[in-house]
Amino acid sequence: MRALTPNGPIRLAVCAVLVLAMVACGARRGRLLQRRAPGPPSTAPGEVGSPSTTTDPIEHITTPDGRTRDYVLHVPSPEPSGPRPLVLMFHGGSGTAQGMEGIAHFDQISDEHGFIAVYPQGWERSWNDHVGNTPAEKAGVDDVAFVGALLDRLESTLPVDPRSVAVTGLSNGGLLSELLGCTLASRLAVIAPVAASMPQAVAPTCAPSRPVSVLEIHGTDDPFIPYGGGQGKGFGGGAPVVSAEDSNAEWARLDRCGHTWPGGRQYWPMKLIGVTTRQFDAGEVLWQFLQQHPST
């Protein structure tokens, strides 16, 4: 099987779909979760008590629909001399770009590993995830076009490696990451939605132009966007989503992933079991997970 890319046809070796069910976090819930003040539920609890330490300035860009949009740009220190990976991180509903950095401490990770981190700001603290409920969608904001324009600017002004661009986000931002995988795959290597799965409204029309690797991270006890799918909580009543496992399976189907051991040997022909991904090694992932989750 083959797919077309800007450089011509390539084998579908980019297939990598991984869902991490955060069942191990229950024993540490007191340290991992923070309570927000009572009030109407949003799609991104947790920014209370998560101040950002970033000192990066707010940048501005005019999008194709004529709106002025903001984002925070973090270039790792020391500045990279060659092409570097780029990660766009989208805050949750009612959140902010700076608040998202505070939650994820992503500037520190950017500096440690030398990639460029960008935190876009949603319209009225929300994203148009094509579910129908957010202020951004009700205002007719085109966030897919915003991200496309932002990538154009970043790739033309910074040493971005266009082969190593990822998007990630929390809750409403995670739903946008799912949508971008469906609509902007030609510009992305990886999508990594956190506490979000594919919206039911997006699933029937999701048609990525090429395979995109997917890392989904979702807590099994998520009270806002349920791991098992169904009606979520948030703007306008929340987003109906498919289950995390069905979302993972749908991405595997869209990417034409195989019945294989990631990073292992192609033990049977591709026509029988599909492509063995080289994007990560399942054995290494297993070892890292074991090291981080000893029994108590």
Protein backbone atom coordinates (compact mmCIF):
# COMPACT_ATOMS: atom_id res chain seq x y z
CA MET A 1 0.00 0.00 0.00
CA ARG A 2 1.21 3.47 -0.85
CA ALA A 3 0.32 7.06 -0.06
CA LEU A 4 1.12 10.32 -1.81
CA THR A 5 3.19 12.94 0.00
CA PRO A 6 4.69 16.22 -1.23
CA ASN A 7 7.81 14.22 -2.14
CA GLY A 8 5.94 11.51 -4.03
CA PRO A 9 4.68 8.04 -3.11
CA ILE A 10 6.02 6.34 -0.02
CA ARG A 11 5.29 3.10 1.76
CA LEU A 12 2.90 3.40 4.68
CA ALA A 13 5.62 2.95 7.29
CA VAL A 14 4.39 5.92 9.30
CA CYS A 15 1.46 4.02 10.77
CA ALA A 16 1.60 4.35 14.55
CA VAL A 17 -1.55 4.52 16.64
CA LEU A 18 -1.25 4.23 20.40
CA VAL A 19 -3.82 4.81 23.14
CA LEU A 20 -2.62 5.12 26.72
CA ALA A 21 -5.44 4.41 29.14
CA MET A 22 -4.42 6.16 32.34
CA VAL A 23 -5.67 3.45 34.68
CA ALA A 24 -2.42 3.74 36.64
CA CYS A 25 -3.17 7.28 37.77
CA GLY A 26 -5.87 6.29 40.25
CA ALA A 27 -3.46 5.52 43.06
CA ARG A 28 -1.92 8.99 42.70
CA ARG A 29 -5.06 10.94 42.04
CA GLY A 30 -4.55 13.21 45.01
CA ARG A 31 -1.35 14.54 43.47
CA LEU A 32 -2.41 14.53 39.84
CA LEU A 33 -5.80 16.20 39.92
CA GLN A 34 -6.67 19.65 41.21
CA ARG A 35 -10.12 20.84 42.22
CA ARG A 36 -11.43 23.96 40.55
CA ALA A 37 -13.83 26.39 42.17
CA PRO A 38 -17.52 25.44 41.87
CA GLY A 39 -19.28 26.74 38.79
CA PRO A 40 -20.49 25.73 35.36
CA PRO A 41 -18.41 22.87 33.99
CA SER A 42 -16.00 23.69 31.18
CA THR A 43 -14.11 21.31 28.94
CA ALA A 44 -10.78 21.95 30.63
CA PRO A 45 -10.70 21.73 34.41
CA GLY A 46 -7.39 22.25 36.11
CA GLU A 47 -5.99 25.68 35.21
CA VAL A 48 -6.77 26.96 38.69
CA GLY A 49 -3.53 26.61 40.63
CA SER A 50 -1.47 26.03 37.48
CA PRO A 51 0.28 29.36 36.87
CA SER A 52 2.61 29.60 33.92
CA THR A 53 6.27 30.35 34.40
CA THR A 54 6.74 31.34 30.76
CA THR A 55 8.25 34.73 30.00
CA ASP A 56 7.74 34.41 26.25
CA PRO A 57 5.88 37.27 24.59
CA ILE A 58 2.46 36.98 22.98
CA GLU A 59 2.69 37.00 19.17
CA HIS A 60 -0.10 37.98 16.76
CA ILE A 61 -1.20 36.77 13.35
CA THR A 62 -4.00 37.75 10.97
CA THR A 63 -5.84 34.67 9.74
CA PRO A 64 -7.48 34.15 6.32
CA ASP A 65 -10.86 35.12 7.78
CA GLY A 66 -9.46 38.53 8.86
CA ARG A 67 -9.27 37.86 12.58
CA THR A 68 -6.27 38.74 14.71
CA ARG A 69 -5.21 35.68 16.68
CA ASP A 70 -2.62 35.28 19.42
CA TYR A 71 -0.07 32.65 20.30
CA VAL A 72 2.88 32.24 22.63
CA LEU A 73 6.12 31.12 21.00
CA HIS A 74 8.87 29.33 22.92
CA VAL A 75 12.18 28.73 21.16
CA PRO A 76 14.39 26.38 23.18
CA SER A 77 17.46 27.76 24.91
CA PRO A 78 20.08 27.62 23.53
CA GLU A 79 18.48 28.37 20.17
CA PRO A 80 18.72 25.48 17.71
CA SER A 81 21.10 25.80 14.78
CA GLY A 82 19.36 23.36 12.44
CA PRO A 83 15.81 22.23 11.65
CA ARG A 84 13.92 21.39 14.83
CA PRO A 85 10.66 19.60 15.62
CA LEU A 86 7.64 21.79 16.31
CA VAL A 87 4.81 21.08 18.76
CA LEU A 88 1.58 23.11 18.87
CA MET A 89 -0.26 22.74 22.19
CA PHE A 90 -3.94 23.75 22.44
CA HIS A 91 -5.45 24.66 25.79
CA GLY A 92 -8.76 23.30 27.03
CA GLY A 93 -12.10 25.08 26.95
CA SER A 94 -12.09 28.27 29.08
CA GLY A 95 -8.30 28.04 29.25
CA THR A 96 -5.44 30.19 28.00
CA ALA A 97 -2.21 29.70 26.09
CA GLN A 98 -0.13 30.66 29.13
CA GLY A 99 -2.22 28.50 31.43
CA MET A 100 -1.65 25.48 29.21
CA GLU A 101 2.09 25.93 29.51
CA GLY A 102 1.64 26.06 33.27
CA ILE A 103 -0.29 22.79 33.29
CA ALA A 104 2.12 20.92 31.06
CA HIS A 105 5.44 22.64 32.06
CA PHE A 106 6.18 22.28 28.36
CA ASP A 107 8.79 25.05 28.11
CA GLN A 108 11.06 22.99 30.33
CA ILE A 109 10.56 19.91 28.16
CA SER A 110 11.17 22.02 25.05
CA ASP A 111 14.48 23.27 26.45
CA GLU A 112 15.56 19.79 27.51
CA HIS A 113 14.91 18.22 24.11
CA GLY A 114 15.46 21.15 21.75
CA PHE A 115 12.09 21.43 20.01
CA ILE A 116 10.01 24.56 19.37
CA ALA A 117 6.81 24.86 21.43
CA VAL A 118 3.87 27.05 20.44
CA TYR A 119 0.74 27.73 22.50
CA PRO A 120 -2.08 29.20 20.39
CA GLN A 121 -4.93 31.09 22.07
CA GLY A 122 -8.49 30.01 21.35
CA TRP A 123 -11.27 32.38 20.30
CA GLU A 124 -13.06 33.42 23.49
CA ARG A 125 -11.02 30.70 25.22
CA SER A 126 -12.41 27.97 22.98
CA TRP A 127 -11.76 26.07 19.76
CA ASN A 128 -14.01 25.24 16.83
CA ASP A 129 -13.90 21.45 17.11
CA HIS A 130 -16.88 20.99 14.72
CA VAL A 131 -19.09 19.73 17.51
CA GLY A 132 -21.40 22.76 17.43
CA ASN A 133 -21.23 24.04 21.01
CA THR A 134 -18.20 26.28 21.53
CA PRO A 135 -18.12 30.09 21.33
CA ALA A 136 -15.51 29.77 18.56
CA GLU A 137 -17.75 27.61 16.40
CA LYS A 138 -20.81 29.77 17.05
CA ALA A 139 -18.79 32.81 15.93
CA GLY A 140 -17.83 31.07 12.69
CA VAL A 141 -14.12 30.86 13.55
CA ASP A 142 -12.10 28.60 11.25
CA ASP A 143 -9.43 27.11 13.52
CA VAL A 144 -8.18 24.73 10.84
CA ALA A 145 -7.33 27.77 8.70
CA PHE A 146 -5.78 29.47 11.75
CA VAL A 147 -3.47 26.52 12.35
CA GLY A 148 -2.58 26.35 8.65
CA ALA A 149 -1.67 30.05 8.59
CA LEU A 150 0.29 29.68 11.82
CA LEU A 151 2.29 26.79 10.37
CA ASP A 152 3.01 28.87 7.26
CA ARG A 153 4.47 31.63 9.42
CA LEU A 154 6.43 29.38 11.76
CA GLU A 155 7.92 27.29 8.97
CA SER A 156 8.97 30.40 7.05
CA THR A 157 10.51 32.29 9.97
CA LEU A 158 11.97 29.57 12.22
CA PRO A 159 14.18 26.50 11.70
CA VAL A 160 11.20 24.12 11.73
CA ASP A 161 11.58 20.60 10.42
CA PRO A 162 8.34 20.19 8.41
CA ARG A 163 8.62 16.41 8.75
CA SER A 164 8.42 16.66 12.56
CA VAL A 165 5.34 18.74 13.34
CA ALA A 166 2.97 17.61 16.07
CA VAL A 167 -0.24 18.96 17.56
CA THR A 168 -1.53 18.15 21.02
CA GLY A 169 -4.19 19.54 23.30
CA LEU A 170 -6.27 19.04 26.40
CA SER A 171 -10.03 18.41 26.28
CA ASN A 172 -11.48 20.96 23.82
CA GLY A 173 -7.91 21.38 22.55
CA GLY A 174 -7.65 17.61 22.23
CA LEU A 175 -10.85 17.52 20.20
CA LEU A 176 -9.29 20.12 17.90
CA SER A 177 -6.20 17.90 17.60
CA GLU A 178 -8.44 15.06 16.41
CA LEU A 179 -10.04 17.36 13.84
CA LEU A 180 -6.64 18.56 12.61
CA GLY A 181 -5.56 14.97 12.07
CA CYS A 182 -8.57 14.57 9.78
CA THR A 183 -8.20 17.86 7.90
CA LEU A 184 -4.52 18.90 8.04
CA ALA A 185 -2.68 15.58 7.84
CA SER A 186 -0.49 16.81 4.98
CA ARG A 187 1.20 19.23 7.43
CA LEU A 188 1.45 16.93 10.47
CA ALA A 189 3.52 13.96 11.59
CA VAL A 190 1.74 13.33 14.91
CA ILE A 191 -1.47 14.20 16.73
CA ALA A 192 -1.61 13.61 20.49
CA PRO A 193 -5.04 14.40 21.98
CA VAL A 194 -5.17 14.27 25.78
CA ALA A 195 -8.45 13.71 27.66
CA ALA A 196 -10.29 13.67 24.33
CA SER A 197 -11.37 11.20 21.69
CA MET A 198 -12.83 11.62 18.23
CA PRO A 199 -16.08 13.66 18.23
CA GLN A 200 -19.07 11.76 16.90
CA ALA A 201 -19.75 14.68 14.55
CA VAL A 202 -16.25 14.40 13.04
CA ALA A 203 -15.88 10.62 12.73
CA PRO A 204 -18.14 10.06 9.65
CA THR A 205 -16.22 12.55 7.49
CA CYS A 206 -12.66 12.09 8.79
CA ALA A 207 -10.50 11.53 5.71
CA PRO A 208 -6.81 12.34 6.30
CA SER A 209 -4.89 12.96 3.10
CA ARG A 210 -2.07 10.71 4.33
CA PRO A 211 -1.36 8.55 7.40
CA VAL A 212 -0.67 10.46 10.60
CA SER A 213 0.73 8.88 13.75
CA VAL A 214 -1.60 9.11 16.74
CA LEU A 215 -0.95 9.08 20.48
CA GLU A 216 -4.18 9.25 22.51
CA ILE A 217 -3.94 9.67 26.28
CA HIS A 218 -7.20 9.31 28.16
CA GLY A 219 -8.09 8.62 31.79
CA THR A 220 -10.54 5.78 32.30
CA ASP A 221 -12.37 7.78 35.01
CA ASP A 222 -12.53 11.05 33.03
CA PRO A 223 -15.66 12.88 34.28
CA PHE A 224 -15.75 15.41 31.41
CA ILE A 225 -15.07 13.44 28.22
CA PRO A 226 -15.90 9.81 29.08
CA TYR A 227 -13.39 7.13 28.18
CA GLY A 228 -16.25 4.87 27.13
CA GLY A 229 -17.71 7.48 24.80
CA GLY A 230 -21.09 9.21 24.84
CA GLN A 231 -22.14 12.65 25.97
CA GLY A 232 -19.41 14.80 27.48
CA LYS A 233 -19.65 17.90 29.65
CA GLY A 234 -18.71 21.42 28.62
CA PHE A 235 -19.78 24.28 26.37
CA GLY A 236 -23.43 24.08 25.36
CA GLY A 237 -23.88 20.71 27.00
CA GLY A 238 -20.61 19.13 25.92
CA ALA A 239 -19.32 17.09 23.02
CA PRO A 240 -20.65 13.64 22.12
CA VAL A 241 -17.58 11.48 21.45
CA VAL A 242 -16.78 7.94 20.45
CA SER A 243 -15.00 5.84 23.04
CA ALA A 244 -11.23 6.08 23.40
CA GLU A 245 -10.87 2.52 22.16
CA ASP A 246 -13.16 3.10 19.17
CA SER A 247 -11.27 6.31 18.40
CA ASN A 248 -8.03 4.37 18.46
CA ALA A 249 -9.50 1.69 16.20
CA GLU A 250 -10.81 4.29 13.76
CA TRP A 251 -7.38 5.89 13.45
CA ALA A 252 -5.84 2.47 12.93
CA ARG A 253 -8.33 1.90 10.10
CA LEU A 254 -7.74 5.32 8.56
CA ASP A 255 -3.96 4.87 8.76
CA ARG A 256 -4.22 1.26 7.55
CA CYS A 257 -2.21 0.01 10.50
CA GLY A 258 -1.25 -3.63 10.74
CA HIS A 259 -1.58 -6.57 13.12
CA THR A 260 2.05 -6.26 14.19
CA TRP A 261 4.53 -5.62 17.02
CA PRO A 262 5.57 -1.95 16.71
CA GLY A 263 9.31 -1.69 16.18
CA GLY A 264 9.58 -5.44 15.71
CA ARG A 265 10.12 -7.78 12.77
CA GLN A 266 7.75 -7.89 9.81
CA TYR A 267 6.94 -11.50 10.64
CA TRP A 268 4.38 -12.02 7.84
CA PRO A 269 3.93 -10.27 4.47
CA MET A 270 2.35 -6.82 4.56
CA LYS A 271 -0.51 -7.99 2.36
CA LEU A 272 -1.54 -10.34 5.17
CA ILE A 273 -0.91 -8.36 8.39
CA GLY A 274 -0.21 -4.79 7.27
CA VAL A 275 2.77 -2.54 7.94
CA THR A 276 5.01 -2.80 11.01
CA THR A 277 5.58 0.74 12.27
CA ARG A 278 9.11 1.99 13.00
CA GLN A 279 7.87 5.10 14.80
CA PHE A 280 8.28 3.54 18.25
CA ASP A 281 9.25 0.25 19.87
CA ALA A 282 6.54 -1.51 21.86
CA GLY A 283 9.12 -3.21 24.06
CA GLU A 284 10.71 0.12 25.00
CA VAL A 285 7.30 1.62 25.76
CA LEU A 286 6.46 -1.35 27.98
CA TRP A 287 9.76 -1.02 29.86
CA GLN A 288 9.35 2.73 30.38
CA PHE A 289 5.78 2.23 31.66
CA LEU A 290 6.93 -0.49 34.08
CA GLN A 291 9.73 1.74 35.39
CA GLN A 292 7.30 4.58 36.05
CA HIS A 293 4.57 2.49 37.70
CA PRO A 294 5.97 0.16 40.37
CA SER A 295 3.43 -1.53 42.61
CA THR A 296 2.60 0.17 45.89
